PDB file of all heavy atoms in Angstrom:
ATOM      1  N   GLN A   1      63.701  46.138 -38.482  1.00  0.00           N
ATOM      2  CA  GLN A   1      62.676  46.838 -37.761  1.00  0.00           C
ATOM      3  C   GLN A   1      63.231  47.723 -36.646  1.00  0.00           C
ATOM      4  O   GLN A   1      62.737  48.811 -36.344  1.00  0.00           O
ATOM      5  CB  GLN A   1      61.781  45.763 -37.120  1.00  0.00           C
ATOM      6  CG  GLN A   1      60.955  44.934 -38.097  1.00  0.00           C
ATOM      7  CD  GLN A   1      60.274  43.703 -37.459  1.00  0.00           C
ATOM      8  OE1 GLN A   1      60.300  43.492 -36.252  1.00  0.00           O
ATOM      9  NE2 GLN A   1      59.602  42.963 -38.352  1.00  0.00           N
ATOM     10  N   GLN A   2      64.411  47.293 -36.102  1.00  0.00           N
ATOM     11  CA  GLN A   2      65.094  48.056 -35.025  1.00  0.00           C
ATOM     12  C   GLN A   2      65.941  49.148 -35.580  1.00  0.00           C
ATOM     13  O   GLN A   2      66.364  50.033 -34.797  1.00  0.00           O
ATOM     14  CB  GLN A   2      66.006  47.095 -34.161  1.00  0.00           C
ATOM     15  CG  GLN A   2      65.202  46.004 -33.446  1.00  0.00           C
ATOM     16  CD  GLN A   2      66.125  44.870 -33.062  1.00  0.00           C
ATOM     17  OE1 GLN A   2      67.358  45.002 -33.123  1.00  0.00           O
ATOM     18  NE2 GLN A   2      65.467  43.743 -32.596  1.00  0.00           N
ATOM     19  N   GLY A   3      66.135  49.114 -36.904  1.00  0.00           N
ATOM     20  CA  GLY A   3      66.925  50.283 -37.440  1.00  0.00           C
ATOM     21  C   GLY A   3      68.421  49.926 -37.476  1.00  0.00           C
ATOM     22  O   GLY A   3      69.253  50.757 -37.853  1.00  0.00           O
ATOM     23  N   THR A   4      68.847  48.702 -37.021  1.00  0.00           N
ATOM     24  CA  THR A   4      70.240  48.234 -37.095  1.00  0.00           C
ATOM     25  C   THR A   4      70.609  48.136 -38.555  1.00  0.00           C
ATOM     26  O   THR A   4      71.793  48.369 -38.897  1.00  0.00           O
ATOM     27  CB  THR A   4      70.442  46.973 -36.234  1.00  0.00           C
ATOM     28  OG1 THR A   4      69.891  47.115 -34.904  1.00  0.00           O
ATOM     29  CG2 THR A   4      71.948  46.622 -36.257  1.00  0.00           C
ATOM     30  N   LEU A   5      69.703  47.580 -39.368  1.00  0.00           N
ATOM     31  CA  LEU A   5      70.036  47.570 -40.774  1.00  0.00           C
ATOM     32  C   LEU A   5      69.109  48.580 -41.434  1.00  0.00           C
ATOM     33  O   LEU A   5      67.971  48.848 -41.041  1.00  0.00           O
ATOM     34  CB  LEU A   5      69.621  46.138 -41.310  1.00  0.00           C
ATOM     35  CG  LEU A   5      70.585  45.017 -40.965  1.00  0.00           C
ATOM     36  CD1 LEU A   5      70.081  43.704 -41.433  1.00  0.00           C
ATOM     37  CD2 LEU A   5      72.035  45.282 -41.494  1.00  0.00           C
ATOM     38  N   PRO A   6      69.531  49.183 -42.550  1.00  0.00           N
ATOM     39  CA  PRO A   6      68.786  50.265 -43.286  1.00  0.00           C
ATOM     40  C   PRO A   6      67.533  49.639 -43.902  1.00  0.00           C
ATOM     41  O   PRO A   6      67.395  48.458 -44.170  1.00  0.00           O
ATOM     42  CB  PRO A   6      69.730  50.733 -44.326  1.00  0.00           C
ATOM     43  CG  PRO A   6      70.784  49.758 -44.473  1.00  0.00           C
ATOM     44  CD  PRO A   6      70.836  49.054 -43.144  1.00  0.00           C
ATOM     45  N   ASN A   7      66.550  50.534 -44.052  1.00  0.00           N
ATOM     46  CA  ASN A   7      65.179  50.011 -44.547  1.00  0.00           C
ATOM     47  C   ASN A   7      65.186  49.694 -46.046  1.00  0.00           C
ATOM     48  O   ASN A   7      64.174  49.210 -46.550  1.00  0.00           O
ATOM     49  CB  ASN A   7      64.073  51.053 -44.128  1.00  0.00           C
ATOM     50  CG  ASN A   7      64.326  52.426 -44.784  1.00  0.00           C
ATOM     51  OD1 ASN A   7      65.158  52.574 -45.638  1.00  0.00           O
ATOM     52  ND2 ASN A   7      63.637  53.449 -44.321  1.00  0.00           N
ATOM     53  N   PHE A   8      66.225  49.958 -46.723  1.00  0.00           N
ATOM     54  CA  PHE A   8      66.368  49.519 -48.129  1.00  0.00           C
ATOM     55  C   PHE A   8      66.736  48.094 -48.203  1.00  0.00           C
ATOM     56  O   PHE A   8      66.822  47.468 -49.294  1.00  0.00           O
ATOM     57  CB  PHE A   8      67.204  50.393 -48.952  1.00  0.00           C
ATOM     58  CG  PHE A   8      68.758  50.489 -48.483  1.00  0.00           C
ATOM     59  CD1 PHE A   8      69.604  49.456 -48.481  1.00  0.00           C
ATOM     60  CD2 PHE A   8      69.119  51.771 -47.969  1.00  0.00           C
ATOM     61  CE1 PHE A   8      70.858  49.591 -48.105  1.00  0.00           C
ATOM     62  CE2 PHE A   8      70.409  51.880 -47.536  1.00  0.00           C
ATOM     63  CZ  PHE A   8      71.357  50.785 -47.650  1.00  0.00           C
ATOM     64  N   CYS A   9      67.032  47.458 -47.041  1.00  0.00           N
ATOM     65  CA  CYS A   9      67.359  45.959 -47.045  1.00  0.00           C
ATOM     66  C   CYS A   9      66.019  45.166 -47.142  1.00  0.00           C
ATOM     67  O   CYS A   9      64.961  45.452 -46.582  1.00  0.00           O
ATOM     68  CB  CYS A   9      68.038  45.608 -45.793  1.00  0.00           C
ATOM     69  SG  CYS A   9      69.757  46.205 -45.630  1.00  0.00           S
ATOM     70  N   ARG A  10      66.019  44.220 -48.063  1.00  0.00           N
ATOM     71  CA  ARG A  10      64.886  43.357 -48.331  1.00  0.00           C
ATOM     72  C   ARG A  10      65.198  41.947 -48.041  1.00  0.00           C
ATOM     73  O   ARG A  10      65.938  41.258 -48.713  1.00  0.00           O
ATOM     74  CB  ARG A  10      64.361  43.472 -49.725  1.00  0.00           C
ATOM     75  CG  ARG A  10      63.128  42.559 -50.120  1.00  0.00           C
ATOM     76  CD  ARG A  10      62.475  43.072 -51.410  1.00  0.00           C
ATOM     77  NE  ARG A  10      63.287  43.037 -52.539  1.00  0.00           N
ATOM     78  CZ  ARG A  10      63.284  42.048 -53.464  1.00  0.00           C
ATOM     79  NH1 ARG A  10      62.541  40.940 -53.217  1.00  0.00           N
ATOM     80  NH2 ARG A  10      64.095  42.060 -54.501  1.00  0.00           N
ATOM     81  N   PRO A  11      64.660  41.346 -46.861  1.00  0.00           N
ATOM     82  CA  PRO A  11      64.898  39.955 -46.619  1.00  0.00           C
ATOM     83  C   PRO A  11      64.078  38.981 -47.487  1.00  0.00           C
ATOM     84  O   PRO A  11      62.894  39.207 -47.640  1.00  0.00           O
ATOM     85  CB  PRO A  11      64.526  39.819 -45.089  1.00  0.00           C
ATOM     86  CG  PRO A  11      63.430  40.886 -44.947  1.00  0.00           C
ATOM     87  CD  PRO A  11      63.870  42.057 -45.820  1.00  0.00           C
ATOM     88  N   VAL A  12      64.774  37.959 -48.001  1.00  0.00           N
ATOM     89  CA  VAL A  12      64.061  37.070 -48.888  1.00  0.00           C
ATOM     90  C   VAL A  12      64.586  35.590 -48.509  1.00  0.00           C
ATOM     91  O   VAL A  12      65.765  35.350 -48.451  1.00  0.00           O
ATOM     92  CB  VAL A  12      64.434  37.293 -50.469  1.00  0.00           C
ATOM     93  CG1 VAL A  12      63.801  36.117 -51.215  1.00  0.00           C
ATOM     94  CG2 VAL A  12      63.942  38.639 -50.843  1.00  0.00           C
ATOM     95  N   GLN A  13      63.652  34.720 -48.286  1.00  0.00           N
ATOM     96  CA  GLN A  13      63.994  33.378 -47.916  1.00  0.00           C
ATOM     97  C   GLN A  13      64.121  32.541 -49.235  1.00  0.00           C
ATOM     98  O   GLN A  13      63.302  32.585 -50.055  1.00  0.00           O
ATOM     99  CB  GLN A  13      62.952  32.661 -47.098  1.00  0.00           C
ATOM    100  CG  GLN A  13      63.413  31.253 -46.655  1.00  0.00           C
ATOM    101  CD  GLN A  13      62.362  30.573 -45.749  1.00  0.00           C
ATOM    102  OE1 GLN A  13      61.393  31.100 -45.442  1.00  0.00           O
ATOM    103  NE2 GLN A  13      62.741  29.406 -45.272  1.00  0.00           N
ATOM    104  N   GLY A  14      65.268  31.841 -49.357  1.00  0.00           N
ATOM    105  CA  GLY A  14      65.477  31.057 -50.549  1.00  0.00           C
ATOM    106  C   GLY A  14      67.012  30.979 -50.990  1.00  0.00           C
ATOM    107  O   GLY A  14      67.864  31.422 -50.276  1.00  0.00           O
ATOM    108  N   THR A  15      67.132  30.456 -52.192  1.00  0.00           N
ATOM    109  CA  THR A  15      68.456  30.404 -52.831  1.00  0.00           C
ATOM    110  C   THR A  15      68.445  31.214 -54.092  1.00  0.00           C
ATOM    111  O   THR A  15      67.428  31.642 -54.545  1.00  0.00           O
ATOM    112  CB  THR A  15      68.843  29.001 -53.023  1.00  0.00           C
ATOM    113  OG1 THR A  15      67.939  28.323 -54.031  1.00  0.00           O
ATOM    114  CG2 THR A  15      68.826  28.142 -51.723  1.00  0.00           C
ATOM    115  N   LEU A  16      69.610  31.338 -54.761  1.00  0.00           N
ATOM    116  CA  LEU A  16      69.736  32.036 -55.913  1.00  0.00           C
ATOM    117  C   LEU A  16      68.853  31.530 -57.053  1.00  0.00           C
ATOM    118  O   LEU A  16      68.140  32.266 -57.775  1.00  0.00           O
ATOM    119  CB  LEU A  16      71.202  32.139 -56.424  1.00  0.00           C
ATOM    120  CG  LEU A  16      71.405  32.889 -57.754  1.00  0.00           C
ATOM    121  CD1 LEU A  16      71.263  34.350 -57.500  1.00  0.00           C
ATOM    122  CD2 LEU A  16      72.916  32.650 -58.105  1.00  0.00           C
ATOM    123  N   HIS A  17      68.787  30.266 -57.155  1.00  0.00           N
ATOM    124  CA  HIS A  17      68.048  29.603 -58.227  1.00  0.00           C
ATOM    125  C   HIS A  17      66.485  29.840 -58.033  1.00  0.00           C
ATOM    126  O   HIS A  17      65.791  29.602 -59.066  1.00  0.00           O
ATOM    127  CB  HIS A  17      68.262  28.067 -58.320  1.00  0.00           C
ATOM    128  CG  HIS A  17      69.686  27.754 -58.714  1.00  0.00           C
ATOM    129  ND1 HIS A  17      70.716  27.881 -57.784  1.00  0.00           N
ATOM    130  CD2 HIS A  17      70.173  27.335 -59.811  1.00  0.00           C
ATOM    131  CE1 HIS A  17      71.903  27.513 -58.426  1.00  0.00           C
ATOM    132  NE2 HIS A  17      71.579  27.206 -59.660  1.00  0.00           N
ATOM    133  N   GLN A  18      66.020  30.224 -56.897  1.00  0.00           N
ATOM    134  CA  GLN A  18      64.562  30.556 -56.662  1.00  0.00           C
ATOM    135  C   GLN A  18      64.204  31.977 -56.849  1.00  0.00           C
ATOM    136  O   GLN A  18      62.992  32.282 -56.853  1.00  0.00           O
ATOM    137  CB  GLN A  18      64.280  30.075 -55.265  1.00  0.00           C
ATOM    138  CG  GLN A  18      64.374  28.502 -55.118  1.00  0.00           C
ATOM    139  CD  GLN A  18      64.408  28.156 -53.629  1.00  0.00           C
ATOM    140  OE1 GLN A  18      64.981  28.810 -52.779  1.00  0.00           O
ATOM    141  NE2 GLN A  18      63.909  26.967 -53.348  1.00  0.00           N
ATOM    142  N   LEU A  19      65.113  32.828 -57.227  1.00  0.00           N
ATOM    143  CA  LEU A  19      64.883  34.234 -57.500  1.00  0.00           C
ATOM    144  C   LEU A  19      64.422  34.325 -58.957  1.00  0.00           C
ATOM    145  O   LEU A  19      64.746  33.558 -59.789  1.00  0.00           O
ATOM    146  CB  LEU A  19      66.095  35.129 -57.373  1.00  0.00           C
ATOM    147  CG  LEU A  19      66.562  35.440 -55.913  1.00  0.00           C
ATOM    148  CD1 LEU A  19      67.752  36.361 -55.934  1.00  0.00           C
ATOM    149  CD2 LEU A  19      65.371  36.077 -55.042  1.00  0.00           C
ATOM    150  N   PRO A  20      63.497  35.361 -59.214  1.00  0.00           N
ATOM    151  CA  PRO A  20      63.048  35.467 -60.616  1.00  0.00           C
ATOM    152  C   PRO A  20      64.271  35.717 -61.530  1.00  0.00           C
ATOM    153  O   PRO A  20      65.134  36.553 -61.220  1.00  0.00           O
ATOM    154  CB  PRO A  20      62.107  36.695 -60.603  1.00  0.00           C
ATOM    155  CG  PRO A  20      61.686  36.731 -59.135  1.00  0.00           C
ATOM    156  CD  PRO A  20      62.817  36.186 -58.320  1.00  0.00           C
ATOM    157  N   VAL A  21      64.278  35.097 -62.759  1.00  0.00           N
ATOM    158  CA  VAL A  21      65.371  35.201 -63.657  1.00  0.00           C
ATOM    159  C   VAL A  21      65.482  36.717 -64.095  1.00  0.00           C
ATOM    160  O   VAL A  21      66.551  37.175 -64.434  1.00  0.00           O
ATOM    161  CB  VAL A  21      65.136  34.245 -64.840  1.00  0.00           C
ATOM    162  CG1 VAL A  21      66.368  34.497 -65.941  1.00  0.00           C
ATOM    163  CG2 VAL A  21      65.156  32.863 -64.379  1.00  0.00           C
ATOM    164  N   SER A  22      64.357  37.406 -64.171  1.00  0.00           N
ATOM    165  CA  SER A  22      64.337  38.753 -64.685  1.00  0.00           C
ATOM    166  C   SER A  22      64.970  39.724 -63.766  1.00  0.00           C
ATOM    167  O   SER A  22      65.271  40.890 -64.121  1.00  0.00           O
ATOM    168  CB  SER A  22      62.848  39.133 -65.009  1.00  0.00           C
ATOM    169  OG  SER A  22      62.079  39.022 -63.750  1.00  0.00           O
ATOM    170  N   GLU A  23      65.133  39.405 -62.413  1.00  0.00           N
ATOM    171  CA  GLU A  23      65.713  40.351 -61.501  1.00  0.00           C
ATOM    172  C   GLU A  23      67.225  40.507 -61.638  1.00  0.00           C
ATOM    173  O   GLU A  23      67.941  39.446 -61.588  1.00  0.00           O
ATOM    174  CB  GLU A  23      65.357  39.941 -60.085  1.00  0.00           C
ATOM    175  CG  GLU A  23      65.680  41.025 -59.091  1.00  0.00           C
ATOM    176  CD  GLU A  23      64.860  40.752 -57.713  1.00  0.00           C
ATOM    177  OE1 GLU A  23      64.306  39.679 -57.584  1.00  0.00           O
ATOM    178  OE2 GLU A  23      64.908  41.682 -56.875  1.00  0.00           O
ATOM    179  N   LYS A  24      67.724  41.593 -61.860  1.00  0.00           N
ATOM    180  CA  LYS A  24      69.111  41.847 -62.146  1.00  0.00           C
ATOM    181  C   LYS A  24      69.722  42.712 -61.058  1.00  0.00           C
ATOM    182  O   LYS A  24      69.030  43.598 -60.417  1.00  0.00           O
ATOM    183  CB  LYS A  24      69.316  42.599 -63.444  1.00  0.00           C
ATOM    184  CG  LYS A  24      68.767  41.782 -64.682  1.00  0.00           C
ATOM    185  CD  LYS A  24      69.346  40.440 -64.863  1.00  0.00           C
ATOM    186  CE  LYS A  24      68.722  39.734 -66.119  1.00  0.00           C
ATOM    187  NZ  LYS A  24      69.280  38.459 -66.300  1.00  0.00           N
ATOM    188  N   PHE A  25      71.081  42.531 -60.804  1.00  0.00           N
ATOM    189  CA  PHE A  25      71.698  43.282 -59.702  1.00  0.00           C
ATOM    190  C   PHE A  25      72.974  43.905 -60.165  1.00  0.00           C
ATOM    191  O   PHE A  25      73.703  43.399 -61.080  1.00  0.00           O
ATOM    192  CB  PHE A  25      72.017  42.321 -58.593  1.00  0.00           C
ATOM    193  CG  PHE A  25      70.692  41.682 -58.003  1.00  0.00           C
ATOM    194  CD1 PHE A  25      70.378  40.440 -58.507  1.00  0.00           C
ATOM    195  CD2 PHE A  25      70.096  42.225 -56.895  1.00  0.00           C
ATOM    196  CE1 PHE A  25      69.215  39.836 -57.928  1.00  0.00           C
ATOM    197  CE2 PHE A  25      68.938  41.686 -56.417  1.00  0.00           C
ATOM    198  CZ  PHE A  25      68.524  40.473 -56.924  1.00  0.00           C
ATOM    199  N   ASP A  26      73.317  44.989 -59.538  1.00  0.00           N
ATOM    200  CA  ASP A  26      74.624  45.622 -59.834  1.00  0.00           C
ATOM    201  C   ASP A  26      75.860  44.935 -59.202  1.00  0.00           C
ATOM    202  O   ASP A  26      76.972  44.915 -59.683  1.00  0.00           O
ATOM    203  CB  ASP A  26      74.683  47.196 -59.357  1.00  0.00           C
ATOM    204  CG  ASP A  26      73.612  47.915 -60.034  1.00  0.00           C
ATOM    205  OD1 ASP A  26      73.554  47.960 -61.283  1.00  0.00           O
ATOM    206  OD2 ASP A  26      72.795  48.592 -59.362  1.00  0.00           O
TER     207      ASP A  26
END
C-alpha cells in the first residue's frame, strides 16, 4: 500500500500445500 513493495506483489496467507495445484510458477 505504501509503495515499498511493487503492486505486482500478491500477499497470500497459508502454506504451499494450500495453494491450488493448478497454479504454476517460473
